[in-house]
PDB file of N, CA and C in Angstrom:
ATOM      1  N   MET A   1      50.075 -86.372 -31.320  1.00  0.00           N
ATOM      2  CA  MET A   1      49.130 -86.594 -32.406  1.00  0.00           C
ATOM      3  C   MET A   1      47.879 -87.268 -31.832  1.00  0.00           C
ATOM      4  N   ARG A   2      46.733 -86.794 -32.232  1.00  0.00           N
ATOM      5  CA  ARG A   2      45.474 -87.364 -31.760  1.00  0.00           C
ATOM      6  C   ARG A   2      45.318 -88.795 -32.276  1.00  0.00           C
ATOM      7  N   LEU A   3      44.537 -89.594 -31.552  1.00  0.00           N
ATOM      8  CA  LEU A   3      44.371 -91.003 -31.886  1.00  0.00           C
ATOM      9  C   LEU A   3      43.762 -91.191 -33.277  1.00  0.00           C
ATOM     10  N   LEU A   4      42.784 -90.375 -33.653  1.00  0.00           N
ATOM     11  CA  LEU A   4      42.171 -90.517 -34.972  1.00  0.00           C
ATOM     12  C   LEU A   4      43.190 -90.261 -36.080  1.00  0.00           C
ATOM     13  N   ALA A   5      44.036 -89.285 -35.916  1.00  0.00           N
ATOM     14  CA  ALA A   5      45.079 -89.011 -36.913  1.00  0.00           C
ATOM     15  C   ALA A   5      46.040 -90.195 -37.016  1.00  0.00           C
ATOM     16  N   GLN A   6      46.359 -90.810 -35.887  1.00  0.00           N
ATOM     17  CA  GLN A   6      47.226 -91.991 -35.894  1.00  0.00           C
ATOM     18  C   GLN A   6      46.554 -93.159 -36.603  1.00  0.00           C
ATOM     19  N   LEU A   7      45.265 -93.354 -36.339  1.00  0.00           N
ATOM     20  CA  LEU A   7      44.522 -94.430 -36.994  1.00  0.00           C
ATOM     21  C   LEU A   7      44.437 -94.185 -38.498  1.00  0.00           C
ATOM     22  N   SER A   8      44.196 -92.951 -38.874  1.00  0.00           N
ATOM     23  CA  SER A   8      44.145 -92.569 -40.283  1.00  0.00           C
ATOM     24  C   SER A   8      45.435 -92.949 -40.992  1.00  0.00           C
ATOM     25  N   GLU A   9      46.532 -92.633 -40.365  1.00  0.00           N
ATOM     26  CA  GLU A   9      47.835 -92.944 -40.936  1.00  0.00           C
ATOM     27  C   GLU A   9      48.074 -94.456 -40.986  1.00  0.00           C
ATOM     28  N   ALA A  10      47.737 -95.148 -39.907  1.00  0.00           N
ATOM     29  CA  ALA A  10      47.963 -96.599 -39.841  1.00  0.00           C
ATOM     30  C   ALA A  10      47.116 -97.358 -40.860  1.00  0.00           C
ATOM     31  N   LYS A  11      45.890 -96.918 -41.058  1.00  0.00           N
ATOM     32  CA  LYS A  11      44.977 -97.608 -41.980  1.00  0.00           C
ATOM     33  C   LYS A  11      45.057 -97.060 -43.405  1.00  0.00           C
ATOM     34  N   ARG A  12      45.800 -95.965 -43.559  1.00  0.00           N
ATOM     35  CA  ARG A  12      45.947 -95.307 -44.865  1.00  0.00           C
ATOM     36  C   ARG A  12      44.608 -94.859 -45.434  1.00  0.00           C
ATOM     37  N   VAL A  13      43.787 -94.342 -44.527  1.00  0.00           N
ATOM     38  CA  VAL A  13      42.503 -93.747 -44.892  1.00  0.00           C
ATOM     39  C   VAL A  13      42.613 -92.276 -44.514  1.00  0.00           C
ATOM     40  N   PRO A  14      42.438 -91.368 -45.468  1.00  0.00           N
ATOM     41  CA  PRO A  14      42.633 -89.937 -45.178  1.00  0.00           C
ATOM     42  C   PRO A  14      41.793 -89.432 -44.001  1.00  0.00           C
ATOM     43  N   LEU A  15      42.410 -88.650 -43.163  1.00  0.00           N
ATOM     44  CA  LEU A  15      41.733 -88.063 -42.012  1.00  0.00           C
ATOM     45  C   LEU A  15      40.504 -87.275 -42.454  1.00  0.00           C
ATOM     46  N   LYS A  16      40.631 -86.518 -43.508  1.00  0.00           N
ATOM     47  CA  LYS A  16      39.514 -85.711 -44.015  1.00  0.00           C
ATOM     48  C   LYS A  16      38.316 -86.604 -44.365  1.00  0.00           C
ATOM     49  N   PHE A  17      38.574 -87.767 -44.940  1.00  0.00           N
ATOM     50  CA  PHE A  17      37.519 -88.729 -45.279  1.00  0.00           C
ATOM     51  C   PHE A  17      36.823 -89.217 -44.012  1.00  0.00           C
ATOM     52  N   LEU A  18      37.611 -89.597 -43.000  1.00  0.00           N
ATOM     53  CA  LEU A  18      37.035 -90.093 -41.744  1.00  0.00           C
ATOM     54  C   LEU A  18      36.193 -89.026 -41.053  1.00  0.00           C
ATOM     55  N   LEU A  19      36.691 -87.820 -41.025  1.00  0.00           N
ATOM     56  CA  LEU A  19      35.932 -86.721 -40.421  1.00  0.00           C
ATOM     57  C   LEU A  19      34.632 -86.470 -41.176  1.00  0.00           C
ATOM     58  N   ALA A  20      34.665 -86.595 -42.492  1.00  0.00           N
ATOM     59  CA  ALA A  20      33.476 -86.352 -43.317  1.00  0.00           C
ATOM     60  C   ALA A  20      32.367 -87.371 -43.048  1.00  0.00           C
ATOM     61  N   ILE A  21      32.724 -88.580 -42.635  1.00  0.00           N
ATOM     62  CA  ILE A  21      31.695 -89.577 -42.333  1.00  0.00           C
ATOM     63  C   ILE A  21      31.375 -89.631 -40.833  1.00  0.00           C
ATOM     64  N   GLY A  22      31.887 -88.663 -40.078  1.00  0.00           N
ATOM     65  CA  GLY A  22      31.506 -88.504 -38.682  1.00  0.00           C
ATOM     66  C   GLY A  22      32.390 -89.167 -37.650  1.00  0.00           C
ATOM     67  N   VAL A  23      33.461 -89.805 -38.073  1.00  0.00           N
ATOM     68  CA  VAL A  23      34.382 -90.432 -37.110  1.00  0.00           C
ATOM     69  C   VAL A  23      35.181 -89.318 -36.449  1.00  0.00           C
ATOM     70  N   LYS A  24      35.335 -89.394 -35.116  1.00  0.00           N
ATOM     71  CA  LYS A  24      36.048 -88.320 -34.427  1.00  0.00           C
ATOM     72  C   LYS A  24      36.690 -88.811 -33.136  1.00  0.00           C
ATOM     73  N   ASP A  25      37.673 -88.052 -32.687  1.00  0.00           N
ATOM     74  CA  ASP A  25      38.291 -88.321 -31.388  1.00  0.00           C
ATOM     75  C   ASP A  25      37.284 -88.017 -30.293  1.00  0.00           C
ATOM     76  N   CYS A  26      37.342 -88.789 -29.221  1.00  0.00           N
ATOM     77  CA  CYS A  26      36.542 -88.512 -28.028  1.00  0.00           C
ATOM     78  C   CYS A  26      37.422 -88.825 -26.819  1.00  0.00           C
ATOM     79  N   PRO A  27      37.017 -88.446 -25.632  1.00  0.00           N
ATOM     80  CA  PRO A  27      37.873 -88.664 -24.459  1.00  0.00           C
ATOM     81  C   PRO A  27      38.291 -90.120 -24.245  1.00  0.00           C
ATOM     82  N   GLU A  28      37.449 -91.073 -24.665  1.00  0.00           N
ATOM     83  CA  GLU A  28      37.760 -92.483 -24.430  1.00  0.00           C
ATOM     84  C   GLU A  28      38.483 -93.149 -25.593  1.00  0.00           C
ATOM     85  N   GLY A  29      38.591 -92.471 -26.732  1.00  0.00           N
ATOM     86  CA  GLY A  29      39.234 -93.066 -27.902  1.00  0.00           C
ATOM     87  C   GLY A  29      38.734 -92.427 -29.187  1.00  0.00           C
ATOM     88  N   ILE A  30      38.134 -93.254 -30.050  1.00  0.00           N
ATOM     89  CA  ILE A  30      37.611 -92.784 -31.332  1.00  0.00           C
ATOM     90  C   ILE A  30      36.139 -93.153 -31.414  1.00  0.00           C
ATOM     91  N   GLU A  31      35.298 -92.153 -31.580  1.00  0.00           N
ATOM     92  CA  GLU A  31      33.864 -92.372 -31.692  1.00  0.00           C
ATOM     93  C   GLU A  31      33.514 -92.703 -33.142  1.00  0.00           C
ATOM     94  N   ILE A  32      32.851 -93.841 -33.325  1.00  0.00           N
ATOM     95  CA  ILE A  32      32.454 -94.297 -34.654  1.00  0.00           C
ATOM     96  C   ILE A  32      30.931 -94.298 -34.698  1.00  0.00           C
ATOM     97  N   PRO A  33      30.334 -93.322 -35.388  1.00  0.00           N
ATOM     98  CA  PRO A  33      28.877 -93.237 -35.379  1.00  0.00           C
ATOM     99  C   PRO A  33      28.211 -94.312 -36.244  1.00  0.00           C
ATOM    100  N   TYR A  34      27.200 -94.914 -35.686  1.00  0.00           N
ATOM    101  CA  TYR A  34      26.339 -95.850 -36.406  1.00  0.00           C
ATOM    102  C   TYR A  34      25.021 -95.124 -36.669  1.00  0.00           C
ATOM    103  N   ARG A  35      24.530 -95.221 -37.881  1.00  0.00           N
ATOM    104  CA  ARG A  35      23.279 -94.566 -38.255  1.00  0.00           C
ATOM    105  C   ARG A  35      22.311 -95.603 -38.816  1.00  0.00           C
ATOM    106  N   ASP A  36      21.019 -95.322 -38.640  1.00  0.00           N
ATOM    107  CA  ASP A  36      20.015 -96.224 -39.190  1.00  0.00           C
ATOM    108  C   ASP A  36      19.799 -95.920 -40.678  1.00  0.00           C
ATOM    109  N   ARG A  37      18.876 -96.608 -41.290  1.00  0.00           N
ATOM    110  CA  ARG A  37      18.648 -96.448 -42.735  1.00  0.00           C
ATOM    111  C   ARG A  37      18.213 -95.038 -43.122  1.00  0.00           C
ATOM    112  N   ASP A  38      17.643 -94.312 -42.160  1.00  0.00           N
ATOM    113  CA  ASP A  38      17.214 -92.934 -42.416  1.00  0.00           C
ATOM    114  C   ASP A  38      18.316 -91.919 -42.153  1.00  0.00           C
ATOM    115  N   GLY A  39      19.472 -92.388 -41.716  1.00  0.00           N
ATOM    116  CA  GLY A  39      20.589 -91.490 -41.437  1.00  0.00           C
ATOM    117  C   GLY A  39      20.617 -90.940 -40.019  1.00  0.00           C
ATOM    118  N   LYS A  40      19.666 -91.347 -39.189  1.00  0.00           N
ATOM    119  CA  LYS A  40      19.629 -90.893 -37.790  1.00  0.00           C
ATOM    120  C   LYS A  40      20.572 -91.753 -36.954  1.00  0.00           C
ATOM    121  N   LEU A  41      21.155 -91.146 -35.918  1.00  0.00           N
ATOM    122  CA  LEU A  41      22.038 -91.909 -35.033  1.00  0.00           C
ATOM    123  C   LEU A  41      21.282 -93.088 -34.434  1.00  0.00           C
ATOM    124  N   ALA A  42      21.901 -94.252 -34.483  1.00  0.00           N
ATOM    125  CA  ALA A  42      21.310 -95.462 -33.914  1.00  0.00           C
ATOM    126  C   ALA A  42      21.402 -95.394 -32.389  1.00  0.00           C
ATOM    127  N   PRO A  43      20.582 -96.182 -31.699  1.00  0.00           N
ATOM    128  CA  PRO A  43      20.624 -96.176 -30.233  1.00  0.00           C
ATOM    129  C   PRO A  43      21.977 -96.589 -29.650  1.00  0.00           C
ATOM    130  N   ARG A  44      22.731 -97.424 -30.382  1.00  0.00           N
ATOM    131  CA  ARG A  44      24.047 -97.858 -29.898  1.00  0.00           C
ATOM    132  C   ARG A  44      25.132 -97.294 -30.794  1.00  0.00           C
ATOM    133  N   GLN A  45      26.184 -96.820 -30.170  1.00  0.00           N
ATOM    134  CA  GLN A  45      27.343 -96.268 -30.871  1.00  0.00           C
ATOM    135  C   GLN A  45      28.584 -97.027 -30.412  1.00  0.00           C
ATOM    136  N   ARG A  46      29.625 -96.957 -31.210  1.00  0.00           N
ATOM    137  CA  ARG A  46      30.841 -97.704 -30.879  1.00  0.00           C
ATOM    138  C   ARG A  46      32.006 -96.749 -30.652  1.00  0.00           C
ATOM    139  N   VAL A  47      32.829 -97.082 -29.677  1.00  0.00           N
ATOM    140  CA  VAL A  47      34.040 -96.323 -29.382  1.00  0.00           C
ATOM    141  C   VAL A  47      35.223 -97.287 -29.485  1.00  0.00           C
ATOM    142  N   ARG A  48      36.161 -96.916 -30.326  1.00  0.00           N
ATOM    143  CA  ARG A  48      37.403 -97.693 -30.449  1.00  0.00           C
ATOM    144  C   ARG A  48      38.348 -97.157 -29.388  1.00  0.00           C
ATOM    145  N   ILE A  49      38.834 -98.033 -28.514  1.00  0.00           N
ATOM    146  CA  ILE A  49      39.622 -97.615 -27.362  1.00  0.00           C
ATOM    147  C   ILE A  49      41.055 -97.242 -27.729  1.00  0.00           C
ATOM    148  N   GLY A  50      41.640 -97.918 -28.695  1.00  0.00           N
ATOM    149  CA  GLY A  50      43.027 -97.645 -29.050  1.00  0.00           C
ATOM    150  C   GLY A  50      43.279 -97.779 -30.537  1.00  0.00           C
ATOM    151  N   LEU A  51      44.534 -97.748 -30.870  1.00  0.00           N
ATOM    152  CA  LEU A  51      44.941 -97.772 -32.275  1.00  0.00           C
ATOM    153  C   LEU A  51      44.688 -99.126 -32.938  1.00  0.00           C
ATOM    154  N   THR A  52      44.899-100.214 -32.211  1.00  0.00           N
ATOM    155  CA  THR A  52      44.695-101.539 -32.794  1.00  0.00           C
ATOM    156  C   THR A  52      43.423-102.166 -32.232  1.00  0.00           C
ATOM    157  N   SER A  53      42.882-103.126 -32.965  1.00  0.00           N
ATOM    158  CA  SER A  53      41.664-103.783 -32.496  1.00  0.00           C
ATOM    159  C   SER A  53      41.912-104.553 -31.199  1.00  0.00           C
ATOM    160  N   LYS A  54      43.156-104.938 -30.941  1.00  0.00           N
ATOM    161  CA  LYS A  54      43.497-105.627 -29.690  1.00  0.00           C
ATOM    162  C   LYS A  54      43.242-104.736 -28.479  1.00  0.00           C
ATOM    163  N   ASP A  55      43.306-103.424 -28.683  1.00  0.00           N
ATOM    164  CA  ASP A  55      43.074-102.488 -27.583  1.00  0.00           C
ATOM    165  C   ASP A  55      41.616-102.491 -27.138  1.00  0.00           C
ATOM    166  N   GLY A  56      40.742-102.938 -28.014  1.00  0.00           N
ATOM    167  CA  GLY A  56      39.343-103.101 -27.657  1.00  0.00           C
ATOM    168  C   GLY A  56      38.412-102.011 -28.153  1.00  0.00           C
ATOM    169  N   PHE A  57      37.147-102.311 -27.963  1.00  0.00           N
ATOM    170  CA  PHE A  57      36.045-101.422 -28.327  1.00  0.00           C
ATOM    171  C   PHE A  57      35.049-101.430 -27.185  1.00  0.00           C
ATOM    172  N   LYS A  58      34.180-100.463 -27.185  1.00  0.00           N
ATOM    173  CA  LYS A  58      33.062-100.504 -26.250  1.00  0.00           C
ATOM    174  C   LYS A  58      31.849 -99.909 -26.939  1.00  0.00           C
ATOM    175  N   TRP A  59      30.695-100.399 -26.566  1.00  0.00           N
ATOM    176  CA  TRP A  59      29.436 -99.878 -27.088  1.00  0.00           C
ATOM    177  C   TRP A  59      28.868 -98.891 -26.083  1.00  0.00           C
ATOM    178  N   THR A  60      28.270 -97.830 -26.569  1.00  0.00           N
ATOM    179  CA  THR A  60      27.553 -96.893 -25.707  1.00  0.00           C
ATOM    180  C   THR A  60      26.090 -96.945 -26.116  1.00  0.00           C
ATOM    181  N   GLY A  61      25.222 -96.640 -25.191  1.00  0.00           N
ATOM    182  CA  GLY A  61      23.789 -96.693 -25.468  1.00  0.00           C
ATOM    183  C   GLY A  61      23.269 -98.109 -25.333  1.00  0.00           C
ATOM    184  N   SER A  62      22.021 -98.279 -25.756  1.00  0.00           N
ATOM    185  CA  SER A  62      21.398 -99.600 -25.663  1.00  0.00           C
ATOM    186  C   SER A  62      20.565 -99.841 -26.914  1.00  0.00           C
ATOM    187  N   GLY A  63      20.168-101.074 -27.082  1.00  0.00           N
ATOM    188  CA  GLY A  63      19.395-101.449 -28.261  1.00  0.00           C
ATOM    189  C   GLY A  63      20.180-102.403 -29.133  1.00  0.00           C
ATOM    190  N   ALA A  64      19.568-102.793 -30.223  1.00  0.00           N
ATOM    191  CA  ALA A  64      20.188-103.752 -31.131  1.00  0.00           C
ATOM    192  C   ALA A  64      21.373-103.124 -31.868  1.00  0.00           C
ATOM    193  N   VAL A  65      22.356-103.947 -32.137  1.00  0.00           N
ATOM    194  CA  VAL A  65      23.485-103.522 -32.963  1.00  0.00           C
ATOM    195  C   VAL A  65      23.046-103.650 -34.417  1.00  0.00           C
ATOM    196  N   ILE A  66      23.323-102.634 -35.206  1.00  0.00           N
ATOM    197  CA  ILE A  66      22.962-102.666 -36.622  1.00  0.00           C
ATOM    198  C   ILE A  66      24.231-102.738 -37.462  1.00  0.00           C
ATOM    199  N   PRO A  67      24.119-103.158 -38.721  1.00  0.00           N
ATOM    200  CA  PRO A  67      25.306-103.184 -39.584  1.00  0.00           C
ATOM    201  C   PRO A  67      25.888-101.782 -39.755  1.00  0.00           C
ATOM    202  N   TYR A  68      27.201-101.703 -39.768  1.00  0.00           N
ATOM    203  CA  TYR A  68      27.865-100.420 -39.968  1.00  0.00           C
ATOM    204  C   TYR A  68      27.785-100.048 -41.447  1.00  0.00           C
ATOM    205  N   GLY A  69      27.209 -98.888 -41.713  1.00  0.00           N
ATOM    206  CA  GLY A  69      27.137 -98.375 -43.079  1.00  0.00           C
ATOM    207  C   GLY A  69      25.801 -98.596 -43.747  1.00  0.00           C
ATOM    208  N   GLU A  70      24.822 -99.104 -43.010  1.00  0.00           N
ATOM    209  CA  GLU A  70      23.534 -99.378 -43.651  1.00  0.00           C
ATOM    210  C   GLU A  70      22.814 -98.100 -44.078  1.00  0.00           C
ATOM    211  N   TRP A  71      23.216 -96.949 -43.561  1.00  0.00           N
ATOM    212  CA  TRP A  71      22.600 -95.683 -43.944  1.00  0.00           C
ATOM    213  C   TRP A  71      23.079 -95.174 -45.303  1.00  0.00           C
ATOM    214  N   MET A  72      24.198 -95.702 -45.778  1.00  0.00           N
ATOM    215  CA  MET A  72      24.719 -95.233 -47.060  1.00  0.00           C
ATOM    216  C   MET A  72      23.775 -95.648 -48.180  1.00  0.00           C
ATOM    217  N   LYS A  73      23.630 -94.805 -49.153  1.00  0.00           N
ATOM    218  CA  LYS A  73      22.777 -95.104 -50.303  1.00  0.00           C
ATOM    219  C   LYS A  73      23.613 -95.867 -51.319  1.00  0.00           C
ATOM    220  N   HIS A  74      23.586 -97.176 -51.216  1.00  0.00           N
ATOM    221  CA  HIS A  74      24.400 -98.033 -52.070  1.00  0.00           C
ATOM    222  C   HIS A  74      23.744 -98.194 -53.439  1.00  0.00           C
ATOM    223  N   PRO A  75      24.424 -97.777 -54.493  1.00  0.00           N
ATOM    224  CA  PRO A  75      23.820 -97.836 -55.823  1.00  0.00           C
ATOM    225  C   PRO A  75      23.701 -99.247 -56.394  1.00  0.00           C
ATOM    226  N   ASP A  76      24.472-100.187 -55.899  1.00  0.00           N
ATOM    227  CA  ASP A  76      24.484-101.531 -56.463  1.00  0.00           C
ATOM    228  C   ASP A  76      24.399-102.550 -55.338  1.00  0.00           C
ATOM    229  N   ILE A  77      23.203-102.704 -54.789  1.00  0.00           N
ATOM    230  CA  ILE A  77      23.003-103.558 -53.624  1.00  0.00           C
ATOM    231  C   ILE A  77      23.341-105.023 -53.916  1.00  0.00           C
ATOM    232  N   GLU A  78      23.232-105.439 -55.174  1.00  0.00           N
ATOM    233  CA  GLU A  78      23.519-106.827 -55.522  1.00  0.00           C
ATOM    234  C   GLU A  78      25.014-107.144 -55.437  1.00  0.00           C
ATOM    235  N   ASN A  79      25.847-106.130 -55.451  1.00  0.00           N
ATOM    236  CA  ASN A  79      27.293-106.334 -55.366  1.00  0.00           C
ATOM    237  C   ASN A  79      27.865-105.744 -54.084  1.00  0.00           C
ATOM    238  N   MET A  80      27.137-105.930 -52.984  1.00  0.00           N
ATOM    239  CA  MET A  80      27.556-105.449 -51.675  1.00  0.00           C
ATOM    240  C   MET A  80      28.641-106.369 -51.112  1.00  0.00           C
ATOM    241  N   ILE A  81      29.648-105.771 -50.496  1.00  0.00           N
ATOM    242  CA  ILE A  81      30.707-106.543 -49.837  1.00  0.00           C
ATOM    243  C   ILE A  81      30.479-106.457 -48.334  1.00  0.00           C
ATOM    244  N   LEU A  82      30.387-107.599 -47.687  1.00  0.00           N
ATOM    245  CA  LEU A  82      30.200-107.663 -46.240  1.00  0.00           C
ATOM    246  C   LEU A  82      31.561-107.954 -45.608  1.00  0.00           C
ATOM    247  N   VAL A  83      31.998-107.050 -44.725  1.00  0.00           N
ATOM    248  CA  VAL A  83      33.309-107.195 -44.086  1.00  0.00           C
ATOM    249  C   VAL A  83      33.150-107.187 -42.576  1.00  0.00           C
ATOM    250  N   GLU A  84      34.248-107.414 -41.870  1.00  0.00           N
ATOM    251  CA  GLU A  84      34.186-107.542 -40.417  1.00  0.00           C
ATOM    252  C   GLU A  84      34.017-106.209 -39.690  1.00  0.00           C
ATOM    253  N   GLY A  85      34.878-105.254 -39.948  1.00  0.00           N
ATOM    254  CA  GLY A  85      34.887-104.058 -39.113  1.00  0.00           C
ATOM    255  C   GLY A  85      34.772-102.755 -39.867  1.00  0.00           C
ATOM    256  N   GLU A  86      34.661-101.699 -39.086  1.00  0.00           N
ATOM    257  CA  GLU A  86      34.469-100.370 -39.661  1.00  0.00           C
ATOM    258  C   GLU A  86      35.636 -99.948 -40.547  1.00  0.00           C
ATOM    259  N   SER A  87      36.860-100.217 -40.125  1.00  0.00           N
ATOM    260  CA  SER A  87      37.994 -99.759 -40.930  1.00  0.00           C
ATOM    261  C   SER A  87      38.052-100.483 -42.278  1.00  0.00           C
ATOM    262  N   ASP A  88      37.565-101.717 -42.331  1.00  0.00           N
ATOM    263  CA  ASP A  88      37.463-102.415 -43.622  1.00  0.00           C
ATOM    264  C   ASP A  88      36.456-101.693 -44.522  1.00  0.00           C
ATOM    265  N   VAL A  89      35.347-101.289 -43.925  1.00  0.00           N
ATOM    266  CA  VAL A  89      34.320-100.548 -44.671  1.00  0.00           C
ATOM    267  C   VAL A  89      34.899 -99.233 -45.187  1.00  0.00           C
ATOM    268  N   TRP A  90      35.621 -98.503 -44.337  1.00  0.00           N
ATOM    269  CA  TRP A  90      36.198 -97.220 -44.768  1.00  0.00           C
ATOM    270  C   TRP A  90      37.095 -97.391 -45.988  1.00  0.00           C
ATOM    271  N   THR A  91      37.931 -98.426 -45.949  1.00  0.00           N
ATOM    272  CA  THR A  91      38.853 -98.666 -47.058  1.00  0.00           C
ATOM    273  C   THR A  91      38.085 -98.921 -48.350  1.00  0.00           C
ATOM    274  N   LEU A  92      37.052 -99.731 -48.275  1.00  0.00           N
ATOM    275  CA  LEU A  92      36.272-100.023 -49.479  1.00  0.00           C
ATOM    276  C   LEU A  92      35.509 -98.794 -49.961  1.00  0.00           C
ATOM    277  N   TRP A  93      34.908 -98.040 -49.049  1.00  0.00           N
ATOM    278  CA  TRP A  93      34.209 -96.808 -49.452  1.00  0.00           C
ATOM    279  C   TRP A  93      35.172 -95.838 -50.119  1.00  0.00           C
ATOM    280  N   LEU A  94      36.348 -95.729 -49.567  1.00  0.00           N
ATOM    281  CA  LEU A  94      37.355 -94.825 -50.131  1.00  0.00           C
ATOM    282  C   LEU A  94      37.632 -95.161 -51.598  1.00  0.00           C
ATOM    283  N   HIS A  95      37.575 -96.449 -51.931  1.00  0.00           N
ATOM    284  CA  HIS A  95      37.848 -96.899 -53.286  1.00  0.00           C
ATOM    285  C   HIS A  95      36.578 -97.157 -54.096  1.00  0.00           C
ATOM    286  N   LYS A  96      35.453 -96.577 -53.587  1.00  0.00           N
ATOM    287  CA  LYS A  96      34.164 -96.586 -54.311  1.00  0.00           C
ATOM    288  C   LYS A  96      33.498 -97.954 -54.427  1.00  0.00           C
ATOM    289  N   PHE A  97      33.727 -98.837 -53.450  1.00  0.00           N
ATOM    290  CA  PHE A  97      33.038-100.125 -53.416  1.00  0.00           C
ATOM    291  C   PHE A  97      31.862-100.023 -52.448  1.00  0.00           C
ATOM    292  N   ASN A  98      30.815-100.783 -52.685  1.00  0.00           N
ATOM    293  CA  ASN A  98      29.686-100.882 -51.771  1.00  0.00           C
ATOM    294  C   ASN A  98      30.052-101.851 -50.664  1.00  0.00           C
ATOM    295  N   ALA A  99      29.945-101.430 -49.412  1.00  0.00           N
ATOM    296  CA  ALA A  99      30.312-102.314 -48.300  1.00  0.00           C
ATOM    297  C   ALA A  99      29.541-101.950 -47.045  1.00  0.00           C
ATOM    298  N   ILE A 100      29.290-102.978 -46.224  1.00  0.00           N
ATOM    299  CA  ILE A 100      28.789-102.806 -44.859  1.00  0.00           C
ATOM    300  C   ILE A 100      29.582-103.745 -43.969  1.00  0.00           C
ATOM    301  N   GLY A 101      29.586-103.442 -42.689  1.00  0.00           N
ATOM    302  CA  GLY A 101      30.360-104.267 -41.757  1.00  0.00           C
ATOM    303  C   GLY A 101      29.534-104.678 -40.569  1.00  0.00           C
TER     304      GLY A 101
END
């Protein structure tokens, strides 16, 4: 089973949902795309190395790190939830909450 499918199962976030927001398997782990406010790929991207956060992450590219999810068009900015990581954001988006990480 591919790492993204395993992560999907472990986090209980549907694989189809993750693929729809651009998360995908890559040779080094799981590529998590960061986009700017205009929806363009940010200069820095994140790769999750393994299934758990203990396995680590690495950044690719250079430039400032931006909040994860800032490209989403949040309808209720006053009720934004700020969380630690991408998988927290995915869970909240799945349940229709406004969140960035």
